[in-house]
Protein backbone atom coordinates (compact mmCIF):
# COMPACT_ATOMS: atom_id res chain seq x y z
CA UNK A 1 17.04 -23.20 -16.34
CA UNK A 2 14.67 -20.74 -14.49
CA UNK A 3 14.87 -21.75 -11.22
CA UNK A 4 18.58 -21.47 -11.12
CA UNK A 5 18.34 -17.95 -11.25
CA UNK A 6 14.65 -17.30 -9.35
CA UNK A 7 14.89 -16.80 -5.92
CA UNK A 8 13.26 -15.20 -2.92
CA UNK A 9 15.47 -12.29 -2.20
CA UNK A 10 15.79 -11.40 -6.02
CA UNK A 11 12.28 -11.57 -6.34
CA UNK A 12 11.89 -9.27 -3.31
CA UNK A 13 14.61 -7.01 -4.70
CA UNK A 14 12.60 -6.75 -8.21
CA UNK A 15 9.49 -5.73 -6.23
CA UNK A 16 10.91 -3.44 -3.55
CA UNK A 17 12.50 -1.90 -7.03
CA UNK A 18 8.80 -1.65 -8.67
CA UNK A 19 7.09 0.04 -5.55
CA UNK A 20 9.62 2.72 -4.72
CA UNK A 21 9.36 4.22 -8.31
CA UNK A 22 5.14 4.95 -8.63
CA UNK A 23 3.96 5.83 -11.54
CA UNK A 24 1.61 9.20 -11.95
CA UNK A 25 -0.21 7.97 -14.53
CA UNK A 26 -3.17 5.88 -12.98
CA UNK A 27 -3.27 3.09 -16.62
CA UNK A 28 0.61 2.64 -16.01
CA UNK A 29 0.11 2.59 -12.38
CA UNK A 30 -2.16 -0.90 -12.65
CA UNK A 31 -0.15 -2.17 -15.29
CA UNK A 32 2.82 -2.07 -12.56
CA UNK A 33 0.81 -3.37 -10.16
CA UNK A 34 -0.20 -6.08 -12.31
CA UNK A 35 3.42 -7.22 -12.82
CA UNK A 36 4.06 -6.94 -9.09
CA UNK A 37 1.08 -9.79 -8.22
CA UNK A 38 2.63 -11.91 -11.05
CA UNK A 39 6.35 -11.51 -9.32
CA UNK A 40 4.46 -12.11 -6.19
CA UNK A 41 2.57 -15.35 -7.25
CA UNK A 42 6.09 -16.95 -8.28
CA UNK A 43 7.43 -16.05 -5.03
CA UNK A 44 4.44 -17.87 -3.31
CA UNK A 45 6.06 -20.96 -5.00
CA UNK A 46 9.42 -20.51 -3.16
CA UNK A 47 10.67 -21.49 0.17
CA UNK A 48 10.77 -18.09 2.74
CA UNK A 49 14.20 -17.47 4.06
CA UNK A 50 14.65 -14.79 6.65
CA UNK A 51 18.40 -14.54 6.43
CA UNK A 52 20.86 -16.11 4.37
CA UNK A 53 23.25 -19.15 5.83
CA UNK A 54 26.35 -17.24 5.93
CA UNK A 55 24.25 -14.20 8.16
CA UNK A 56 23.46 -16.75 10.55
CA UNK A 57 26.93 -18.44 11.02
CA UNK A 58 27.59 -19.00 14.45
CA UNK A 59 23.93 -17.67 15.62
CA UNK A 60 20.32 -19.14 17.12
CA UNK A 61 17.90 -19.61 14.42
CA UNK A 62 14.08 -20.40 14.04
CA UNK A 63 11.16 -21.06 11.78
CA UNK A 64 7.57 -18.81 12.46
CA UNK A 65 4.46 -19.86 10.82
CA UNK A 66 1.08 -18.71 10.42
CA UNK A 67 -1.99 -17.45 8.62
CA UNK A 68 -3.43 -14.06 7.68
CA UNK A 69 -7.38 -14.54 6.94
CA UNK A 70 -9.61 -11.86 5.05
CA UNK A 71 -13.44 -11.32 6.87
CA UNK A 72 -14.44 -13.55 3.45
CA UNK A 73 -13.13 -16.75 2.46
CA UNK A 74 -14.32 -15.56 -1.28
CA UNK A 75 -11.72 -12.32 -0.86
CA UNK A 76 -8.90 -14.63 0.21
CA UNK A 77 -6.31 -14.38 -1.55
CA UNK A 78 -2.01 -13.42 -0.37
CA UNK A 79 -0.98 -11.23 1.47
CA UNK A 80 2.56 -9.24 1.83
CA UNK A 81 4.21 -8.55 5.13
CA UNK A 82 7.03 -7.82 7.00
CA UNK A 83 8.77 -9.81 9.88
CA UNK A 84 11.52 -7.64 11.39
CA UNK A 85 11.35 -5.08 8.10
CA UNK A 86 12.02 -7.81 5.56
CA UNK A 87 8.86 -8.04 2.89
CA UNK A 88 7.48 -11.67 2.42
CA UNK A 89 4.25 -13.07 1.25
CA UNK A 90 1.75 -15.67 2.16
CA UNK A 91 0.27 -18.25 0.03
CA UNK A 92 -3.14 -17.73 -1.59
CA UNK A 93 -5.14 -19.35 1.35
CA UNK A 94 -2.83 -16.95 3.91
CA UNK A 95 -0.79 -19.83 5.00
CA UNK A 96 3.30 -18.46 5.66
CA UNK A 97 6.32 -20.18 6.86
CA UNK A 98 10.01 -18.19 6.79
CA UNK A 99 12.54 -19.84 8.02
CA UNK A 100 16.07 -18.56 9.26
CA UNK A 101 15.27 -16.18 11.54
CA UNK A 102 17.69 -14.92 14.19
CA UNK A 103 16.65 -15.50 17.70
CA UNK A 104 14.98 -12.72 19.22
CA UNK A 105 11.87 -10.18 18.98
CA UNK A 106 10.84 -9.29 15.58
CA UNK A 107 7.85 -7.01 14.71
CA UNK A 108 5.50 -8.65 12.16
CA UNK A 109 3.72 -5.80 10.42
CA UNK A 110 0.66 -6.63 8.02
CA UNK A 111 -0.54 -3.59 5.86
CA UNK A 112 -3.26 -4.22 2.83
CA UNK A 113 -4.99 -1.84 0.90
CA UNK A 114 -8.74 -0.58 2.33
CA UNK A 115 -8.09 -3.02 5.80
CA UNK A 116 -6.64 -2.24 9.30
CA UNK A 117 -3.07 -2.36 9.87
CA UNK A 118 -1.60 -5.22 11.72
CA UNK A 119 0.93 -5.24 14.31
CA UNK A 120 2.44 -8.10 16.72
CA UNK A 121 5.65 -8.90 18.17
CA UNK A 122 7.13 -12.15 17.33
CA UNK A 123 9.77 -13.96 20.15
CA UNK A 124 11.66 -16.83 18.22
CA UNK A 125 14.15 -19.15 19.92
CA UNK A 126 16.75 -21.13 18.50
CA UNK A 127 15.48 -24.23 17.12
CA UNK A 128 12.09 -23.41 17.27
CA UNK A 129 9.01 -23.44 15.50
CA UNK A 130 7.11 -20.44 16.50
CA UNK A 131 2.96 -20.34 15.18
CA UNK A 132 1.36 -17.14 14.98
CA UNK A 133 -2.12 -15.89 14.26
CA UNK A 134 -4.45 -16.47 12.42
CA UNK A 135 -4.78 -12.68 12.19
CA UNK A 136 -7.99 -11.55 10.87
CA UNK A 137 -8.24 -8.79 8.87
CA UNK A 138 -10.92 -5.95 9.35
CA UNK A 139 -12.04 -3.65 6.69
CA UNK A 140 -11.36 -0.16 6.91
CA UNK A 141 -14.03 2.39 7.07
CA UNK A 142 -12.16 5.33 6.98
CA UNK A 143 -12.53 8.66 4.70
CA UNK A 144 -10.66 11.34 3.39
CA UNK A 145 -12.01 14.01 0.97
CA UNK A 146 -11.13 17.50 -0.16
CA UNK A 147 -10.87 20.08 -3.00
CA UNK A 148 -8.09 21.27 -5.20
CA UNK A 149 -8.16 24.86 -6.25
CA UNK A 150 -5.85 26.27 -8.38
CA UNK A 151 -4.04 29.52 -8.00
CA UNK A 152 -5.91 31.07 -10.45
CA UNK A 153 -8.94 30.79 -8.15
CA UNK A 154 -10.90 28.08 -9.65
CA UNK A 155 -11.25 24.08 -9.51
CA UNK A 156 -8.17 22.19 -10.09
CA UNK A 157 -9.75 19.27 -12.48
CA UNK A 158 -7.95 15.90 -13.51
CA UNK A 159 -5.25 16.45 -11.12
CA UNK A 160 -3.43 13.14 -10.00
CA UNK A 161 -3.45 12.53 -6.22
CA UNK A 162 -1.78 10.36 -4.21
CA UNK A 163 -2.38 8.66 -0.85
CA UNK A 164 0.55 6.92 0.69
CA UNK A 165 1.83 4.18 2.45
CA UNK A 166 -0.77 2.20 0.26
CA UNK A 167 -0.29 3.98 -2.76
CA UNK A 168 -4.35 4.60 -3.77
CA UNK A 169 -4.36 6.80 -6.60
CA UNK A 170 -7.09 9.02 -8.16
CA UNK A 171 -8.02 12.48 -9.54
CA UNK A 172 -10.38 15.12 -8.98
CA UNK A 173 -13.22 15.69 -10.74
CA UNK A 174 -14.97 18.88 -12.56
CA UNK A 175 -15.12 20.80 -9.57
CA UNK A 176 -12.03 19.94 -8.05
CA UNK A 177 -12.93 17.15 -5.12
CA UNK A 178 -11.29 14.33 -4.49
CA UNK A 179 -12.10 11.29 -2.00
CA UNK A 180 -10.47 8.39 -0.98
CA UNK A 181 -13.15 5.76 0.83
CA UNK A 182 -11.95 2.53 2.82
CA UNK A 183 -9.21 4.22 4.48
CA UNK A 184 -6.84 2.53 7.03
CA UNK A 185 -6.30 4.36 10.83
CA UNK A 186 -2.17 5.67 10.91
CA UNK A 187 -0.14 7.92 9.22
CA UNK A 188 -0.99 9.33 5.80
CA UNK A 189 0.70 11.65 2.82
CA UNK A 190 -1.78 13.05 0.34
CA UNK A 191 0.42 14.11 -2.34
CA UNK A 192 -0.30 16.01 -5.64
CA UNK A 193 2.04 13.81 -8.06
CA UNK A 194 0.09 15.25 -11.51
CA UNK A 195 3.53 16.78 -13.78
CA UNK A 196 1.60 19.54 -14.56
CA UNK A 197 1.33 21.16 -11.09
CA UNK A 198 4.24 21.12 -8.67
CA UNK A 199 4.37 19.11 -5.88
CA UNK A 200 2.43 19.63 -2.94
CA UNK A 201 2.49 17.01 0.12
CA UNK A 202 0.39 16.95 3.44
CA UNK A 203 1.09 14.58 6.38
CA UNK A 204 -1.76 13.41 8.90
CA UNK A 205 -3.44 10.66 10.88
CA UNK A 206 -6.84 8.66 10.29
CA UNK A 207 -8.52 7.05 13.75
CA UNK A 208 -10.53 3.93 13.12
CA UNK A 209 -13.25 4.76 10.88
CA UNK A 210 -12.61 8.58 10.76
CA UNK A 211 -13.62 10.45 8.02
CA UNK A 212 -11.52 13.13 7.28
CA UNK A 213 -12.07 16.66 5.11
CA UNK A 214 -8.89 18.68 4.18
CA UNK A 215 -11.22 21.43 2.75
CA UNK A 216 -9.69 23.57 0.21
CA UNK A 217 -6.26 22.93 -0.90
CA UNK A 218 -4.21 25.42 -2.91
CA UNK A 219 -1.89 24.11 -6.06
CA UNK A 220 0.28 26.09 -8.37
CA UNK A 221 0.15 25.29 -12.30
CA UNK A 222 4.08 24.90 -13.44
CA UNK A 223 5.32 27.32 -16.12
CA UNK A 224 3.83 26.29 -19.24
CA UNK A 225 1.64 23.92 -18.62
CA UNK A 226 -1.91 24.16 -19.98
CA UNK A 227 -5.32 23.67 -17.99
CA UNK A 228 -7.14 20.63 -19.18
CA UNK A 229 -10.48 21.34 -21.18
CA UNK A 230 -12.46 18.49 -19.42
CA UNK A 231 -11.53 16.67 -16.61
CA UNK A 232 -9.78 13.49 -16.74
CA UNK A 233 -12.30 11.53 -15.23
CA UNK A 234 -12.56 7.52 -14.67
CA UNK A 235 -14.71 5.84 -12.06
CA UNK A 236 -12.37 6.53 -9.06
CA UNK A 237 -12.73 10.31 -9.86
CA UNK A 238 -17.09 10.16 -9.25
CA UNK A 239 -17.70 11.67 -6.12
CA UNK A 240 -21.07 11.08 -4.32
CA UNK A 241 -23.52 13.76 -3.49
CA UNK A 242 -22.83 13.10 0.12
CA UNK A 243 -18.96 14.06 0.09
CA UNK A 244 -19.89 16.59 -1.96
CA UNK A 245 -22.05 18.76 0.41
CA UNK A 246 -19.29 17.65 3.21
CA UNK A 247 -16.53 19.04 0.81
CA UNK A 248 -18.77 22.00 0.40
């Protein structure tokens, strides 16, 4: 019965819906990611089709297959990627096969948290099977650090911050300092997502392996909100002495 209702398009729509509404709470964020991972496992068991039969009426279409590899076999797992803007997932061993792709040039985009992004142009001809890769992921070694300061001039502690587009989430420590490690190159947006504070967004670009100090960032507490007595600490909020010296 389940096979009758589950299909690749439906599952991709569910994943995209979950990803479009990120949670501001790290614990809820973790649970949401677990649900996404489970859905992607189910997607692994289904054949990937780029387009529906009706979409291809009168058009040539082909097949594209390949493999995405992690640096170590011990960390090999399924990877989300896009082809021509449509989302897919590899098998746990990194292999993928996509059918019903309209003939033409499509952009393959692979973005995995803590790894450098990969972009590649794929040319598909009608009735042909095109092989690509294998593409080997490289560890991202960039780092982003900074400090949040309240409008009272004091450090803003325990404030939730998100780094997009890959969705890293952390909180400031007792001195208002935050850091993101293993950040890939490219365009990023730092956002204060804490419900007690007014929204703050900052766009910036990072080169491969760059360490970016965003300095002091002023944030404003919403009316009626109360400052926490102690920072809401977790292991992602522990700042190394080296990072602390750079910020200070």
